[in-house]
Amino acid sequence: MQPLTNKELNYIDDLLGAEELLLKTCVTAAERVMQPDAQQFLHHTITEHQRHYDELAHLVEQHEPMARS
């Protein structure tokens, strides 16, 4: 596995921040919306963004030690 550069890791860190913001926004919306269809959509969206966040965090965990050395 080829290590990611610091620039690539910084880009992924930015993506993590964006995914976290999307998660928080969707959670807030899901708490406030009353329509069942909208709630279902938001819960699906929350799951997808959590998966994206987890995958990106795992990628950083794998590559960070190699890039920082």
C-alpha atoms as a PDB file:
ATOM      1  CA  MET A   1       0.000   0.000   0.000  1.00  0.00           C
ATOM      2  CA  GLN A   2       1.425   3.338  -1.056  1.00  0.00           C
ATOM      3  CA  PRO A   3       1.245   5.963   1.702  1.00  0.00           C
ATOM      4  CA  LEU A   4      -0.870   9.048   1.215  1.00  0.00           C
ATOM      5  CA  THR A   5       0.848  12.405   1.217  1.00  0.00           C
ATOM      6  CA  ASN A   6       0.280  14.990   3.930  1.00  0.00           C
ATOM      7  CA  LYS A   7      -1.683  17.024   1.397  1.00  0.00           C
ATOM      8  CA  GLU A   8      -3.965  14.059   0.681  1.00  0.00           C
ATOM      9  CA  LEU A   9      -4.437  13.418   4.399  1.00  0.00           C
ATOM     10  CA  ASN A  10      -5.326  17.081   4.932  1.00  0.00           C
ATOM     11  CA  TYR A  11      -7.887  16.831   2.136  1.00  0.00           C
ATOM     12  CA  ILE A  12      -9.413  13.761   3.790  1.00  0.00           C
ATOM     13  CA  ASP A  13      -9.487  15.634   7.106  1.00  0.00           C
ATOM     14  CA  ASP A  14     -11.505  18.363   5.347  1.00  0.00           C
ATOM     15  CA  LEU A  15     -13.883  15.708   4.026  1.00  0.00           C
ATOM     16  CA  LEU A  16     -14.276  14.323   7.550  1.00  0.00           C
ATOM     17  CA  GLY A  17     -15.305  17.768   8.730  1.00  0.00           C
ATOM     18  CA  ALA A  18     -17.823  18.076   5.918  1.00  0.00           C
ATOM     19  CA  GLU A  19     -19.314  14.658   6.652  1.00  0.00           C
ATOM     20  CA  GLU A  20     -19.560  15.534  10.341  1.00  0.00           C
ATOM     21  CA  LEU A  21     -21.385  18.767   9.522  1.00  0.00           C
ATOM     22  CA  LEU A  22     -23.780  16.921   7.203  1.00  0.00           C
ATOM     23  CA  LEU A  23     -24.451  14.355   9.925  1.00  0.00           C
ATOM     24  CA  LYS A  24     -25.246  17.024  12.511  1.00  0.00           C
ATOM     25  CA  THR A  25     -27.484  18.885  10.072  1.00  0.00           C
ATOM     26  CA  CYS A  26     -29.423  15.742   9.161  1.00  0.00           C
ATOM     27  CA  VAL A  27     -29.804  14.728  12.809  1.00  0.00           C
ATOM     28  CA  THR A  28     -31.191  18.158  13.673  1.00  0.00           C
ATOM     29  CA  ALA A  29     -33.579  18.051  10.727  1.00  0.00           C
ATOM     30  CA  ALA A  30     -34.722  14.508  11.593  1.00  0.00           C
ATOM     31  CA  GLU A  31     -35.533  15.636  15.135  1.00  0.00           C
ATOM     32  CA  ARG A  32     -37.693  18.497  13.852  1.00  0.00           C
ATOM     33  CA  VAL A  33     -39.450  17.125  10.795  1.00  0.00           C
ATOM     34  CA  MET A  34     -42.891  15.640  11.288  1.00  0.00           C
ATOM     35  CA  GLN A  35     -43.489  13.851   7.987  1.00  0.00           C
ATOM     36  CA  PRO A  36     -42.668  10.127   8.193  1.00  0.00           C
ATOM     37  CA  ASP A  37     -41.298  10.023   4.633  1.00  0.00           C
ATOM     38  CA  ALA A  38     -38.935  12.895   5.357  1.00  0.00           C
ATOM     39  CA  GLN A  39     -37.825  11.270   8.617  1.00  0.00           C
ATOM     40  CA  GLN A  40     -37.142   8.009   6.827  1.00  0.00           C
ATOM     41  CA  PHE A  41     -35.118   9.802   4.157  1.00  0.00           C
ATOM     42  CA  LEU A  42     -33.120  11.696   6.760  1.00  0.00           C
ATOM     43  CA  HIS A  43     -32.381   8.550   8.771  1.00  0.00           C
ATOM     44  CA  HIS A  44     -31.153   6.871   5.593  1.00  0.00           C
ATOM     45  CA  THR A  45     -29.021   9.925   4.834  1.00  0.00           C
ATOM     46  CA  ILE A  46     -27.608   9.904   8.377  1.00  0.00           C
ATOM     47  CA  THR A  47     -26.624   6.255   7.954  1.00  0.00           C
ATOM     48  CA  GLU A  48     -24.905   6.970   4.637  1.00  0.00           C
ATOM     49  CA  HIS A  49     -22.952   9.955   5.960  1.00  0.00           C
ATOM     50  CA  GLN A  50     -21.927   7.994   9.058  1.00  0.00           C
ATOM     51  CA  ARG A  51     -20.639   5.237   6.779  1.00  0.00           C
ATOM     52  CA  HIS A  52     -18.689   7.788   4.719  1.00  0.00           C
ATOM     53  CA  TYR A  53     -17.242   9.312   7.880  1.00  0.00           C
ATOM     54  CA  ASP A  54     -16.222   5.905   9.245  1.00  0.00           C
ATOM     55  CA  GLU A  55     -14.572   4.894   5.965  1.00  0.00           C
ATOM     56  CA  LEU A  56     -12.614   8.149   5.752  1.00  0.00           C
ATOM     57  CA  ALA A  57     -11.544   7.922   9.399  1.00  0.00           C
ATOM     58  CA  HIS A  58     -10.366   4.348   8.837  1.00  0.00           C
ATOM     59  CA  LEU A  59      -8.396   5.447   5.779  1.00  0.00           C
ATOM     60  CA  VAL A  60      -6.663   8.162   7.788  1.00  0.00           C
ATOM     61  CA  GLU A  61      -5.871   5.702  10.584  1.00  0.00           C
ATOM     62  CA  GLN A  62      -4.257   3.338   8.087  1.00  0.00           C
ATOM     63  CA  HIS A  63      -2.197   5.924   6.235  1.00  0.00           C
ATOM     64  CA  GLU A  64      -1.348   8.601   8.759  1.00  0.00           C
ATOM     65  CA  PRO A  65       1.595   6.800  10.394  1.00  0.00           C
ATOM     66  CA  MET A  66       3.170   6.184   6.974  1.00  0.00           C
ATOM     67  CA  ALA A  67       2.691   9.749   5.724  1.00  0.00           C
ATOM     68  CA  ARG A  68       3.855  11.476   8.890  1.00  0.00           C
ATOM     69  CA  SER A  69       7.119   9.517   9.105  1.00  0.00           C
END
